[in-house]
């Protein structure tokens, strides 16, 4: 599925990978709740290791005060994972918009969305 992401620039979500893996193994599909719990468990350990860069809590307020509009554009395959990281680090109020490829359905930088000279 990784090659597919680079071929068509459409996001393959973690949920889709899980569904396909279960189907390939002949296992029944998970309920939405069980799927959400499985993905949360999958990301739980890496989420405990994630930390914002040093100085972020000093720099972001300065950028906001200077009038900069701050955004997050992520190639993550699980939106809930990204939101847990953002909220766990108390960063949500600094960024608008937050665009996550698993929600948008497209990966960055999708060549069809690049303007000449932008990439």
PDB file of N, CA and C in Angstrom:
ATOM      1  N   UNK A   1       0.811  -1.187   0.000  1.00  0.00           N
ATOM      2  CA  UNK A   1       0.000   0.000   0.000  1.00  0.00           C
ATOM      3  C   UNK A   1       0.861   1.260   0.000  1.00  0.00           C
ATOM      4  N   UNK A   2       2.095   1.145   0.495  1.00  0.00           N
ATOM      5  CA  UNK A   2       2.991   2.293   0.477  1.00  0.00           C
ATOM      6  C   UNK A   2       3.303   2.744  -0.932  1.00  0.00           C
ATOM      7  N   UNK A   3       3.510   1.788  -1.833  1.00  0.00           N
ATOM      8  CA  UNK A   3       3.776   2.146  -3.234  1.00  0.00           C
ATOM      9  C   UNK A   3       2.560   2.815  -3.862  1.00  0.00           C
ATOM     10  N   UNK A   4       1.384   2.325  -3.492  1.00  0.00           N
ATOM     11  CA  UNK A   4       0.151   2.918  -4.022  1.00  0.00           C
ATOM     12  C   UNK A   4       0.068   4.383  -3.620  1.00  0.00           C
ATOM     13  N   UNK A   5       0.448   4.709  -2.380  1.00  0.00           N
ATOM     14  CA  UNK A   5       0.393   6.095  -1.909  1.00  0.00           C
ATOM     15  C   UNK A   5       1.250   6.999  -2.787  1.00  0.00           C
ATOM     16  N   UNK A   6       2.394   6.508  -3.244  1.00  0.00           N
ATOM     17  CA  UNK A   6       3.284   7.309  -4.063  1.00  0.00           C
ATOM     18  C   UNK A   6       2.870   7.310  -5.534  1.00  0.00           C
ATOM     19  N   UNK A   7       2.082   6.329  -5.940  1.00  0.00           N
ATOM     20  CA  UNK A   7       1.656   6.259  -7.339  1.00  0.00           C
ATOM     21  C   UNK A   7       0.463   7.172  -7.620  1.00  0.00           C
ATOM     22  N   UNK A   8      -0.533   7.143  -6.726  1.00  0.00           N
ATOM     23  CA  UNK A   8      -1.736   7.940  -6.998  1.00  0.00           C
ATOM     24  C   UNK A   8      -1.918   9.100  -6.022  1.00  0.00           C
ATOM     25  N   UNK A   9      -1.061   9.200  -5.022  1.00  0.00           N
ATOM     26  CA  UNK A   9      -1.068  10.268  -4.025  1.00  0.00           C
ATOM     27  C   UNK A   9      -2.356  10.312  -3.210  1.00  0.00           C
ATOM     28  N   UNK A  10      -3.111   9.219  -3.224  1.00  0.00           N
ATOM     29  CA  UNK A  10      -4.279   9.107  -2.369  1.00  0.00           C
ATOM     30  C   UNK A  10      -3.850   8.438  -1.070  1.00  0.00           C
ATOM     31  N   UNK A  11      -4.383   8.904   0.033  1.00  0.00           N
ATOM     32  CA  UNK A  11      -4.007   8.339   1.323  1.00  0.00           C
ATOM     33  C   UNK A  11      -4.666   6.990   1.541  1.00  0.00           C
ATOM     34  N   UNK A  12      -3.908   6.057   2.021  1.00  0.00           N
ATOM     35  CA  UNK A  12      -4.414   4.780   2.498  1.00  0.00           C
ATOM     36  C   UNK A  12      -4.345   4.883   4.016  1.00  0.00           C
ATOM     37  N   UNK A  13      -5.491   4.881   4.654  1.00  0.00           N
ATOM     38  CA  UNK A  13      -5.517   5.101   6.090  1.00  0.00           C
ATOM     39  C   UNK A  13      -5.107   3.853   6.862  1.00  0.00           C
ATOM     40  N   UNK A  14      -4.733   4.060   8.105  1.00  0.00           N
ATOM     41  CA  UNK A  14      -4.395   2.932   8.974  1.00  0.00           C
ATOM     42  C   UNK A  14      -5.589   1.993   9.112  1.00  0.00           C
ATOM     43  N   UNK A  15      -6.791   2.549   9.147  1.00  0.00           N
ATOM     44  CA  UNK A  15      -7.994   1.720   9.228  1.00  0.00           C
ATOM     45  C   UNK A  15      -8.141   0.841   7.987  1.00  0.00           C
ATOM     46  N   UNK A  16      -7.851   1.396   6.815  1.00  0.00           N
ATOM     47  CA  UNK A  16      -7.924   0.606   5.582  1.00  0.00           C
ATOM     48  C   UNK A  16      -6.865  -0.495   5.568  1.00  0.00           C
ATOM     49  N   UNK A  17      -5.669  -0.194   6.047  1.00  0.00           N
ATOM     50  CA  UNK A  17      -4.608  -1.206   6.116  1.00  0.00           C
ATOM     51  C   UNK A  17      -5.035  -2.332   7.052  1.00  0.00           C
ATOM     52  N   UNK A  18      -5.600  -1.968   8.194  1.00  0.00           N
ATOM     53  CA  UNK A  18      -6.071  -2.973   9.149  1.00  0.00           C
ATOM     54  C   UNK A  18      -7.176  -3.828   8.526  1.00  0.00           C
ATOM     55  N   UNK A  19      -8.141  -3.189   7.882  1.00  0.00           N
ATOM     56  CA  UNK A  19      -9.230  -3.929   7.228  1.00  0.00           C
ATOM     57  C   UNK A  19      -8.689  -4.899   6.183  1.00  0.00           C
ATOM     58  N   UNK A  20      -7.761  -4.421   5.348  1.00  0.00           N
ATOM     59  CA  UNK A  20      -7.211  -5.267   4.287  1.00  0.00           C
ATOM     60  C   UNK A  20      -6.397  -6.419   4.869  1.00  0.00           C
ATOM     61  N   UNK A  21      -5.640  -6.151   5.907  1.00  0.00           N
ATOM     62  CA  UNK A  21      -4.838  -7.199   6.549  1.00  0.00           C
ATOM     63  C   UNK A  21      -5.738  -8.289   7.108  1.00  0.00           C
ATOM     64  N   UNK A  22      -6.797  -7.889   7.797  1.00  0.00           N
ATOM     65  CA  UNK A  22      -7.732  -8.877   8.338  1.00  0.00           C
ATOM     66  C   UNK A  22      -8.384  -9.680   7.213  1.00  0.00           C
ATOM     67  N   UNK A  23      -8.778  -9.007   6.147  1.00  0.00           N
ATOM     68  CA  UNK A  23      -9.392  -9.705   5.011  1.00  0.00           C
ATOM     69  C   UNK A  23      -8.408 -10.694   4.386  1.00  0.00           C
ATOM     70  N   UNK A  24      -7.135 -10.266   4.237  1.00  0.00           N
ATOM     71  CA  UNK A  24      -6.113 -11.145   3.661  1.00  0.00           C
ATOM     72  C   UNK A  24      -5.896 -12.390   4.526  1.00  0.00           C
ATOM     73  N   UNK A  25      -6.083 -12.233   5.824  1.00  0.00           N
ATOM     74  CA  UNK A  25      -5.912 -13.358   6.748  1.00  0.00           C
ATOM     75  C   UNK A  25      -7.180 -14.191   6.900  1.00  0.00           C
ATOM     76  N   UNK A  26      -8.258 -13.763   6.243  1.00  0.00           N
ATOM     77  CA  UNK A  26      -9.522 -14.488   6.338  1.00  0.00           C
ATOM     78  C   UNK A  26     -10.273 -14.208   7.632  1.00  0.00           C
ATOM     79  N   UNK A  27      -9.889 -13.176   8.341  1.00  0.00           N
ATOM     80  CA  UNK A  27     -10.552 -12.824   9.599  1.00  0.00           C
ATOM     81  C   UNK A  27     -11.759 -11.938   9.305  1.00  0.00           C
ATOM     82  N   UNK A  28     -12.751 -11.981  10.162  1.00  0.00           N
ATOM     83  CA  UNK A  28     -13.921 -11.114   9.949  1.00  0.00           C
ATOM     84  C   UNK A  28     -13.550  -9.649  10.208  1.00  0.00           C
ATOM     85  N   UNK A  29     -14.285  -8.745   9.601  1.00  0.00           N
ATOM     86  CA  UNK A  29     -14.011  -7.325   9.853  1.00  0.00           C
ATOM     87  C   UNK A  29     -14.349  -6.964  11.294  1.00  0.00           C
ATOM     88  N   UNK A  30     -13.694  -5.919  11.773  1.00  0.00           N
ATOM     89  CA  UNK A  30     -13.937  -5.434  13.128  1.00  0.00           C
ATOM     90  C   UNK A  30     -15.107  -4.455  13.141  1.00  0.00           C
ATOM     91  N   UNK A  31     -15.772  -4.373  14.263  1.00  0.00           N
ATOM     92  CA  UNK A  31     -16.781  -3.332  14.445  1.00  0.00           C
ATOM     93  C   UNK A  31     -16.046  -1.991  14.485  1.00  0.00           C
ATOM     94  N   UNK A  32     -16.739  -0.886  14.222  1.00  0.00           N
ATOM     95  CA  UNK A  32     -16.076   0.418  14.304  1.00  0.00           C
ATOM     96  C   UNK A  32     -15.405   0.659  15.658  1.00  0.00           C
ATOM     97  N   UNK A  33     -16.055   0.252  16.744  1.00  0.00           N
ATOM     98  CA  UNK A  33     -15.472   0.440  18.073  1.00  0.00           C
ATOM     99  C   UNK A  33     -14.213  -0.399  18.242  1.00  0.00           C
ATOM    100  N   UNK A  34     -14.271  -1.663  17.844  1.00  0.00           N
ATOM    101  CA  UNK A  34     -13.101  -2.536  17.960  1.00  0.00           C
ATOM    102  C   UNK A  34     -11.955  -2.037  17.084  1.00  0.00           C
ATOM    103  N   UNK A  35     -12.281  -1.530  15.907  1.00  0.00           N
ATOM    104  CA  UNK A  35     -11.255  -0.979  15.025  1.00  0.00           C
ATOM    105  C   UNK A  35     -10.583   0.231  15.674  1.00  0.00           C
ATOM    106  N   UNK A  36     -11.375   1.135  16.232  1.00  0.00           N
ATOM    107  CA  UNK A  36     -10.830   2.318  16.901  1.00  0.00           C
ATOM    108  C   UNK A  36      -9.947   1.917  18.080  1.00  0.00           C
ATOM    109  N   UNK A  37     -10.384   0.917  18.844  1.00  0.00           N
ATOM    110  CA  UNK A  37      -9.591   0.446  19.983  1.00  0.00           C
ATOM    111  C   UNK A  37      -8.281  -0.194  19.518  1.00  0.00           C
ATOM    112  N   UNK A  38      -8.338  -0.951  18.434  1.00  0.00           N
ATOM    113  CA  UNK A  38      -7.132  -1.595  17.912  1.00  0.00           C
ATOM    114  C   UNK A  38      -6.123  -0.557  17.439  1.00  0.00           C
ATOM    115  N   UNK A  39      -6.598   0.457  16.730  1.00  0.00           N
ATOM    116  CA  UNK A  39      -5.681   1.492  16.241  1.00  0.00           C
ATOM    117  C   UNK A  39      -5.125   2.315  17.386  1.00  0.00           C
ATOM    118  N   UNK A  40      -5.934   2.598  18.377  1.00  0.00           N
ATOM    119  CA  UNK A  40      -5.428   3.337  19.540  1.00  0.00           C
ATOM    120  C   UNK A  40      -4.338   2.522  20.242  1.00  0.00           C
ATOM    121  N   UNK A  41      -4.562   1.228  20.392  1.00  0.00           N
ATOM    122  CA  UNK A  41      -3.556   0.357  21.011  1.00  0.00           C
ATOM    123  C   UNK A  41      -2.285   0.311  20.163  1.00  0.00           C
ATOM    124  N   UNK A  42      -2.450   0.282  18.853  1.00  0.00           N
ATOM    125  CA  UNK A  42      -1.297   0.249  17.940  1.00  0.00           C
ATOM    126  C   UNK A  42      -0.411   1.475  18.122  1.00  0.00           C
ATOM    127  N   UNK A  43      -1.011   2.644  18.273  1.00  0.00           N
ATOM    128  CA  UNK A  43      -0.248   3.887  18.384  1.00  0.00           C
ATOM    129  C   UNK A  43       0.120   4.251  19.825  1.00  0.00           C
ATOM    130  N   UNK A  44      -0.404   3.546  20.803  1.00  0.00           N
ATOM    131  CA  UNK A  44      -0.243   3.943  22.207  1.00  0.00           C
ATOM    132  C   UNK A  44       1.217   4.105  22.616  1.00  0.00           C
ATOM    133  N   UNK A  45       2.054   3.150  22.279  1.00  0.00           N
ATOM    134  CA  UNK A  45       3.445   3.246  22.727  1.00  0.00           C
ATOM    135  C   UNK A  45       4.160   4.420  22.072  1.00  0.00           C
ATOM    136  N   UNK A  46       4.026   4.571  20.753  1.00  0.00           N
ATOM    137  CA  UNK A  46       4.727   5.669  20.085  1.00  0.00           C
ATOM    138  C   UNK A  46       4.234   7.022  20.580  1.00  0.00           C
ATOM    139  N   UNK A  47       2.968   7.104  20.968  1.00  0.00           N
ATOM    140  CA  UNK A  47       2.442   8.361  21.503  1.00  0.00           C
ATOM    141  C   UNK A  47       3.097   8.724  22.831  1.00  0.00           C
ATOM    142  N   UNK A  48       3.496   7.726  23.608  1.00  0.00           N
ATOM    143  CA  UNK A  48       4.164   8.033  24.878  1.00  0.00           C
ATOM    144  C   UNK A  48       5.562   8.593  24.651  1.00  0.00           C
ATOM    145  N   UNK A  49       6.136   8.347  23.498  1.00  0.00           N
ATOM    146  CA  UNK A  49       7.493   8.803  23.201  1.00  0.00           C
ATOM    147  C   UNK A  49       7.532  10.169  22.528  1.00  0.00           C
ATOM    148  N   UNK A  50       6.414  10.627  21.991  1.00  0.00           N
ATOM    149  CA  UNK A  50       6.391  11.861  21.211  1.00  0.00           C
ATOM    150  C   UNK A  50       6.480  13.074  22.115  1.00  0.00           C
ATOM    151  N   UNK A  51       7.363  13.988  21.751  1.00  0.00           N
ATOM    152  CA  UNK A  51       7.525  15.250  22.469  1.00  0.00           C
ATOM    153  C   UNK A  51       7.673  16.377  21.460  1.00  0.00           C
ATOM    154  N   UNK A  52       7.095  17.544  21.745  1.00  0.00           N
ATOM    155  CA  UNK A  52       7.325  18.696  20.871  1.00  0.00           C
ATOM    156  C   UNK A  52       8.804  19.090  20.904  1.00  0.00           C
ATOM    157  N   UNK A  53       9.221  19.768  19.874  1.00  0.00           N
ATOM    158  CA  UNK A  53      10.609  20.226  19.801  1.00  0.00           C
ATOM    159  C   UNK A  53      10.902  21.186  20.945  1.00  0.00           C
ATOM    160  N   UNK A  54      12.133  21.198  21.435  1.00  0.00           N
ATOM    161  CA  UNK A  54      12.487  22.170  22.464  1.00  0.00           C
ATOM    162  C   UNK A  54      12.227  23.595  21.963  1.00  0.00           C
ATOM    163  N   UNK A  55      11.706  24.422  22.849  1.00  0.00           N
ATOM    164  CA  UNK A  55      11.456  25.820  22.525  1.00  0.00           C
ATOM    165  C   UNK A  55      10.110  26.103  21.897  1.00  0.00           C
ATOM    166  N   UNK A  56       9.313  25.074  21.609  1.00  0.00           N
ATOM    167  CA  UNK A  56       8.057  25.286  20.896  1.00  0.00           C
ATOM    168  C   UNK A  56       7.091  26.171  21.688  1.00  0.00           C
ATOM    169  N   UNK A  57       7.077  26.018  23.008  1.00  0.00           N
ATOM    170  CA  UNK A  57       6.142  26.804  23.814  1.00  0.00           C
ATOM    171  C   UNK A  57       6.579  28.263  23.964  1.00  0.00           C
ATOM    172  N   UNK A  58       7.799  28.545  23.631  1.00  0.00           N
ATOM    173  CA  UNK A  58       8.274  29.925  23.612  1.00  0.00           C
ATOM    174  C   UNK A  58       8.063  30.559  22.239  1.00  0.00           C
ATOM    175  N   UNK A  59       8.293  29.788  21.187  1.00  0.00           N
ATOM    176  CA  UNK A  59       8.254  30.323  19.822  1.00  0.00           C
ATOM    177  C   UNK A  59       6.828  30.500  19.300  1.00  0.00           C
ATOM    178  N   UNK A  60       5.952  29.534  19.530  1.00  0.00           N
ATOM    179  CA  UNK A  60       4.606  29.618  18.961  1.00  0.00           C
ATOM    180  C   UNK A  60       3.833  30.853  19.430  1.00  0.00           C
ATOM    181  N   UNK A  61       3.855  31.210  20.706  1.00  0.00           N
ATOM    182  CA  UNK A  61       3.158  32.446  21.093  1.00  0.00           C
ATOM    183  C   UNK A  61       3.759  33.687  20.434  1.00  0.00           C
ATOM    184  N   UNK A  62       5.057  33.688  20.247  1.00  0.00           N
ATOM    185  CA  UNK A  62       5.700  34.828  19.583  1.00  0.00           C
ATOM    186  C   UNK A  62       5.252  34.933  18.132  1.00  0.00           C
ATOM    187  N   UNK A  63       5.157  33.810  17.449  1.00  0.00           N
ATOM    188  CA  UNK A  63       4.705  33.822  16.057  1.00  0.00           C
ATOM    189  C   UNK A  63       3.252  34.281  15.959  1.00  0.00           C
ATOM    190  N   UNK A  64       2.419  33.790  16.861  1.00  0.00           N
ATOM    191  CA  UNK A  64       1.022  34.231  16.865  1.00  0.00           C
ATOM    192  C   UNK A  64       0.929  35.730  17.136  1.00  0.00           C
ATOM    193  N   UNK A  65       1.694  36.207  18.106  1.00  0.00           N
ATOM    194  CA  UNK A  65       1.663  37.635  18.449  1.00  0.00           C
ATOM    195  C   UNK A  65       2.132  38.496  17.283  1.00  0.00           C
ATOM    196  N   UNK A  66       3.015  37.944  16.463  1.00  0.00           N
ATOM    197  CA  UNK A  66       3.515  38.677  15.297  1.00  0.00           C
ATOM    198  C   UNK A  66       2.535  38.609  14.121  1.00  0.00           C
ATOM    199  N   UNK A  67       1.432  37.897  14.289  1.00  0.00           N
ATOM    200  CA  UNK A  67       0.401  37.854  13.253  1.00  0.00           C
ATOM    201  C   UNK A  67       0.516  36.712  12.265  1.00  0.00           C
ATOM    202  N   UNK A  68       1.413  35.778  12.519  1.00  0.00           N
ATOM    203  CA  UNK A  68       1.540  34.642  11.607  1.00  0.00           C
ATOM    204  C   UNK A  68       0.366  33.686  11.783  1.00  0.00           C
ATOM    205  N   UNK A  69      -0.121  33.172  10.666  1.00  0.00           N
ATOM    206  CA  UNK A  69      -1.142  32.130  10.686  1.00  0.00           C
ATOM    207  C   UNK A  69      -0.399  30.799  10.626  1.00  0.00           C
ATOM    208  N   UNK A  70      -0.624  29.950  11.610  1.00  0.00           N
ATOM    209  CA  UNK A  70       0.104  28.691  11.729  1.00  0.00           C
ATOM    210  C   UNK A  70      -0.804  27.519  11.397  1.00  0.00           C
ATOM    211  N   UNK A  71      -0.270  26.560  10.665  1.00  0.00           N
ATOM    212  CA  UNK A  71      -1.039  25.391  10.254  1.00  0.00           C
ATOM    213  C   UNK A  71      -0.190  24.139  10.428  1.00  0.00           C
ATOM    214  N   UNK A  72      -0.863  23.018  10.511  1.00  0.00           N
ATOM    215  CA  UNK A  72      -0.209  21.712  10.461  1.00  0.00           C
ATOM    216  C   UNK A  72      -0.762  21.010   9.234  1.00  0.00           C
ATOM    217  N   UNK A  73       0.126  20.491   8.418  1.00  0.00           N
ATOM    218  CA  UNK A  73      -0.250  19.684   7.259  1.00  0.00           C
ATOM    219  C   UNK A  73       0.524  18.386   7.405  1.00  0.00           C
ATOM    220  N   UNK A  74      -0.191  17.305   7.648  1.00  0.00           N
ATOM    221  CA  UNK A  74       0.426  16.039   8.033  1.00  0.00           C
ATOM    222  C   UNK A  74       0.095  14.924   7.044  1.00  0.00           C
ATOM    223  N   UNK A  75       1.073  14.076   6.787  1.00  0.00           N
ATOM    224  CA  UNK A  75       0.863  12.887   5.960  1.00  0.00           C
ATOM    225  C   UNK A  75       0.521  11.663   6.813  1.00  0.00           C
ATOM    226  N   UNK A  76      -0.072  11.850   7.934  1.00  0.00           N
ATOM    227  CA  UNK A  76      -0.377  10.732   8.827  1.00  0.00           C
ATOM    228  C   UNK A  76      -1.555   9.907   8.310  1.00  0.00           C
ATOM    229  N   UNK A  77      -1.492   8.621   8.579  1.00  0.00           N
ATOM    230  CA  UNK A  77      -2.547   7.722   8.115  1.00  0.00           C
ATOM    231  C   UNK A  77      -3.641   7.501   9.156  1.00  0.00           C
ATOM    232  N   UNK A  78      -3.532   8.153  10.319  1.00  0.00           N
ATOM    233  CA  UNK A  78      -4.556   8.019  11.348  1.00  0.00           C
ATOM    234  C   UNK A  78      -4.787   9.378  12.006  1.00  0.00           C
ATOM    235  N   UNK A  79      -5.913   9.994  11.704  1.00  0.00           N
ATOM    236  CA  UNK A  79      -6.226  11.331  12.220  1.00  0.00           C
ATOM    237  C   UNK A  79      -6.341  11.357  13.735  1.00  0.00           C
ATOM    238  N   UNK A  80      -6.943  10.333  14.309  1.00  0.00           N
ATOM    239  CA  UNK A  80      -7.091  10.315  15.766  1.00  0.00           C
ATOM    240  C   UNK A  80      -5.739  10.338  16.463  1.00  0.00           C
ATOM    241  N   UNK A  81      -4.774   9.634  15.902  1.00  0.00           N
ATOM    242  CA  UNK A  81      -3.420   9.638  16.453  1.00  0.00           C
ATOM    243  C   UNK A  81      -2.841  11.051  16.453  1.00  0.00           C
ATOM    244  N   UNK A  82      -2.995  11.758  15.351  1.00  0.00           N
ATOM    245  CA  UNK A  82      -2.470  13.124  15.249  1.00  0.00           C
ATOM    246  C   UNK A  82      -3.157  14.036  16.252  1.00  0.00           C
ATOM    247  N   UNK A  83      -4.482  13.952  16.357  1.00  0.00           N
ATOM    248  CA  UNK A  83      -5.194  14.807  17.306  1.00  0.00           C
ATOM    249  C   UNK A  83      -4.788  14.512  18.745  1.00  0.00           C
ATOM    250  N   UNK A  84      -4.572  13.229  19.070  1.00  0.00           N
ATOM    251  CA  UNK A  84      -4.117  12.909  20.437  1.00  0.00           C
ATOM    252  C   UNK A  84      -2.756  13.540  20.711  1.00  0.00           C
ATOM    253  N   UNK A  85      -1.859  13.512  19.722  1.00  0.00           N
ATOM    254  CA  UNK A  85      -0.540  14.123  19.902  1.00  0.00           C
ATOM    255  C   UNK A  85      -0.661  15.638  20.077  1.00  0.00           C
ATOM    256  N   UNK A  86      -1.433  16.267  19.221  1.00  0.00           N
ATOM    257  CA  UNK A  86      -1.612  17.725  19.282  1.00  0.00           C
ATOM    258  C   UNK A  86      -2.232  18.127  20.620  1.00  0.00           C
ATOM    259  N   UNK A  87      -3.299  17.440  21.005  1.00  0.00           N
ATOM    260  CA  UNK A  87      -3.986  17.792  22.247  1.00  0.00           C
ATOM    261  C   UNK A  87      -3.158  17.431  23.478  1.00  0.00           C
ATOM    262  N   UNK A  88      -2.462  16.305  23.416  1.00  0.00           N
ATOM    263  CA  UNK A  88      -1.612  15.911  24.546  1.00  0.00           C
ATOM    264  C   UNK A  88      -0.496  16.911  24.801  1.00  0.00           C
ATOM    265  N   UNK A  89      -0.051  17.571  23.747  1.00  0.00           N
ATOM    266  CA  UNK A  89       1.013  18.570  23.867  1.00  0.00           C
ATOM    267  C   UNK A  89       0.447  19.980  24.055  1.00  0.00           C
ATOM    268  N   UNK A  90      -0.871  20.096  24.121  1.00  0.00           N
ATOM    269  CA  UNK A  90      -1.534  21.398  24.294  1.00  0.00           C
ATOM    270  C   UNK A  90      -1.140  22.377  23.182  1.00  0.00           C
ATOM    271  N   UNK A  91      -1.242  21.926  21.946  1.00  0.00           N
ATOM    272  CA  UNK A  91      -0.846  22.745  20.796  1.00  0.00           C
ATOM    273  C   UNK A  91      -2.008  23.166  19.905  1.00  0.00           C
ATOM    274  N   UNK A  92      -3.186  22.622  20.105  1.00  0.00           N
ATOM    275  CA  UNK A  92      -4.291  22.844  19.165  1.00  0.00           C
ATOM    276  C   UNK A  92      -4.568  24.324  18.935  1.00  0.00           C
ATOM    277  N   UNK A  93      -4.552  25.128  19.973  1.00  0.00           N
ATOM    278  CA  UNK A  93      -4.941  26.532  19.834  1.00  0.00           C
ATOM    279  C   UNK A  93      -3.942  27.369  19.034  1.00  0.00           C
ATOM    280  N   UNK A  94      -2.792  26.819  18.719  1.00  0.00           N
ATOM    281  CA  UNK A  94      -1.815  27.552  17.905  1.00  0.00           C
ATOM    282  C   UNK A  94      -2.054  27.368  16.404  1.00  0.00           C
ATOM    283  N   UNK A  95      -2.762  26.311  16.016  1.00  0.00           N
ATOM    284  CA  UNK A  95      -2.810  25.929  14.607  1.00  0.00           C
ATOM    285  C   UNK A  95      -4.236  25.919  14.053  1.00  0.00           C
ATOM    286  N   UNK A  96      -4.405  26.609  12.931  1.00  0.00           N
ATOM    287  CA  UNK A  96      -5.658  26.590  12.199  1.00  0.00           C
ATOM    288  C   UNK A  96      -5.350  26.989  10.758  1.00  0.00           C
ATOM    289  N   UNK A  97      -5.432  26.048   9.860  1.00  0.00           N
ATOM    290  CA  UNK A  97      -6.050  24.739   9.950  1.00  0.00           C
ATOM    291  C   UNK A  97      -5.058  23.650  10.356  1.00  0.00           C
ATOM    292  N   UNK A  98      -5.632  22.495  10.676  1.00  0.00           N
ATOM    293  CA  UNK A  98      -4.883  21.252  10.809  1.00  0.00           C
ATOM    294  C   UNK A  98      -5.428  20.336   9.724  1.00  0.00           C
ATOM    295  N   UNK A  99      -4.575  19.980   8.783  1.00  0.00           N
ATOM    296  CA  UNK A  99      -4.989  19.131   7.658  1.00  0.00           C
ATOM    297  C   UNK A  99      -4.206  17.824   7.765  1.00  0.00           C
ATOM    298  N   UNK A 100      -4.921  16.723   7.826  1.00  0.00           N
ATOM    299  CA  UNK A 100      -4.311  15.401   7.992  1.00  0.00           C
ATOM    300  C   UNK A 100      -4.713  14.566   6.779  1.00  0.00           C
ATOM    301  N   UNK A 101      -3.724  13.969   6.134  1.00  0.00           N
ATOM    302  CA  UNK A 101      -4.004  13.273   4.875  1.00  0.00           C
ATOM    303  C   UNK A 101      -5.042  12.169   5.029  1.00  0.00           C
ATOM    304  N   UNK A 102      -5.096  11.509   6.179  1.00  0.00           N
ATOM    305  CA  UNK A 102      -6.094  10.452   6.342  1.00  0.00           C
ATOM    306  C   UNK A 102      -7.515  11.015   6.331  1.00  0.00           C
ATOM    307  N   UNK A 103      -7.680  12.269   6.707  1.00  0.00           N
ATOM    308  CA  UNK A 103      -8.996  12.910   6.631  1.00  0.00           C
ATOM    309  C   UNK A 103      -9.226  13.547   5.265  1.00  0.00           C
ATOM    310  N   UNK A 104      -8.159  14.113   4.702  1.00  0.00           N
ATOM    311  CA  UNK A 104      -8.283  14.796   3.408  1.00  0.00           C
ATOM    312  C   UNK A 104      -8.343  13.810   2.243  1.00  0.00           C
ATOM    313  N   UNK A 105      -7.792  12.615   2.447  1.00  0.00           N
ATOM    314  CA  UNK A 105      -7.813  11.604   1.395  1.00  0.00           C
ATOM    315  C   UNK A 105      -6.703  11.728   0.370  1.00  0.00           C
ATOM    316  N   UNK A 106      -5.791  12.656   0.577  1.00  0.00           N
ATOM    317  CA  UNK A 106      -4.695  12.869  -0.377  1.00  0.00           C
ATOM    318  C   UNK A 106      -3.417  13.146   0.395  1.00  0.00           C
ATOM    319  N   UNK A 107      -2.310  12.678  -0.152  1.00  0.00           N
ATOM    320  CA  UNK A 107      -1.011  12.878   0.495  1.00  0.00           C
ATOM    321  C   UNK A 107      -0.341  14.124  -0.056  1.00  0.00           C
ATOM    322  N   UNK A 108       0.599  14.642   0.685  1.00  0.00           N
ATOM    323  CA  UNK A 108       1.366  15.799   0.233  1.00  0.00           C
ATOM    324  C   UNK A 108       2.758  15.347  -0.158  1.00  0.00           C
ATOM    325  N   UNK A 109       3.416  15.949  -1.064  1.00  0.00           N
ATOM    326  CA  UNK A 109       2.868  16.924  -2.000  1.00  0.00           C
ATOM    327  C   UNK A 109       2.330  16.205  -3.229  1.00  0.00           C
ATOM    328  N   UNK A 110       1.055  16.183  -3.393  1.00  0.00           N
ATOM    329  CA  UNK A 110       0.460  15.557  -4.569  1.00  0.00           C
ATOM    330  C   UNK A 110       0.874  16.372  -5.783  1.00  0.00           C
ATOM    331  N   UNK A 111       1.586  15.765  -6.728  1.00  0.00           N
ATOM    332  CA  UNK A 111       2.116  16.524  -7.873  1.00  0.00           C
ATOM    333  C   UNK A 111       1.057  17.332  -8.617  1.00  0.00           C
ATOM    334  N   UNK A 112      -0.169  16.820  -8.690  1.00  0.00           N
ATOM    335  CA  UNK A 112      -1.208  17.545  -9.420  1.00  0.00           C
ATOM    336  C   UNK A 112      -1.607  18.832  -8.700  1.00  0.00           C
ATOM    337  N   UNK A 113      -1.221  18.990  -7.439  1.00  0.00           N
ATOM    338  CA  UNK A 113      -1.556  20.192  -6.691  1.00  0.00           C
ATOM    339  C   UNK A 113      -0.392  21.180  -6.612  1.00  0.00           C
ATOM    340  N   UNK A 114       0.756  20.822  -7.178  1.00  0.00           N
ATOM    341  CA  UNK A 114       1.902  21.713  -7.149  1.00  0.00           C
ATOM    342  C   UNK A 114       1.828  22.726  -8.303  1.00  0.00           C
ATOM    343  N   UNK A 115       2.136  23.950  -7.989  1.00  0.00           N
ATOM    344  CA  UNK A 115       2.237  24.968  -9.026  1.00  0.00           C
ATOM    345  C   UNK A 115       3.684  24.987  -9.503  1.00  0.00           C
ATOM    346  N   UNK A 116       3.916  25.352 -10.754  1.00  0.00           N
ATOM    347  CA  UNK A 116       5.303  25.440 -11.223  1.00  0.00           C
ATOM    348  C   UNK A 116       6.128  26.339 -10.300  1.00  0.00           C
ATOM    349  N   UNK A 117       7.282  25.818  -9.913  1.00  0.00           N
ATOM    350  CA  UNK A 117       8.189  26.574  -9.053  1.00  0.00           C
ATOM    351  C   UNK A 117       7.896  26.450  -7.581  1.00  0.00           C
ATOM    352  N   UNK A 118       6.854  25.662  -7.194  1.00  0.00           N
ATOM    353  CA  UNK A 118       6.522  25.552  -5.774  1.00  0.00           C
ATOM    354  C   UNK A 118       7.092  24.304  -5.128  1.00  0.00           C
ATOM    355  N   UNK A 119       7.651  23.412  -5.894  1.00  0.00           N
ATOM    356  CA  UNK A 119       8.097  22.183  -5.257  1.00  0.00           C
ATOM    357  C   UNK A 119       9.423  21.791  -5.724  1.00  0.00           C
TER     358      UNK A 119
END
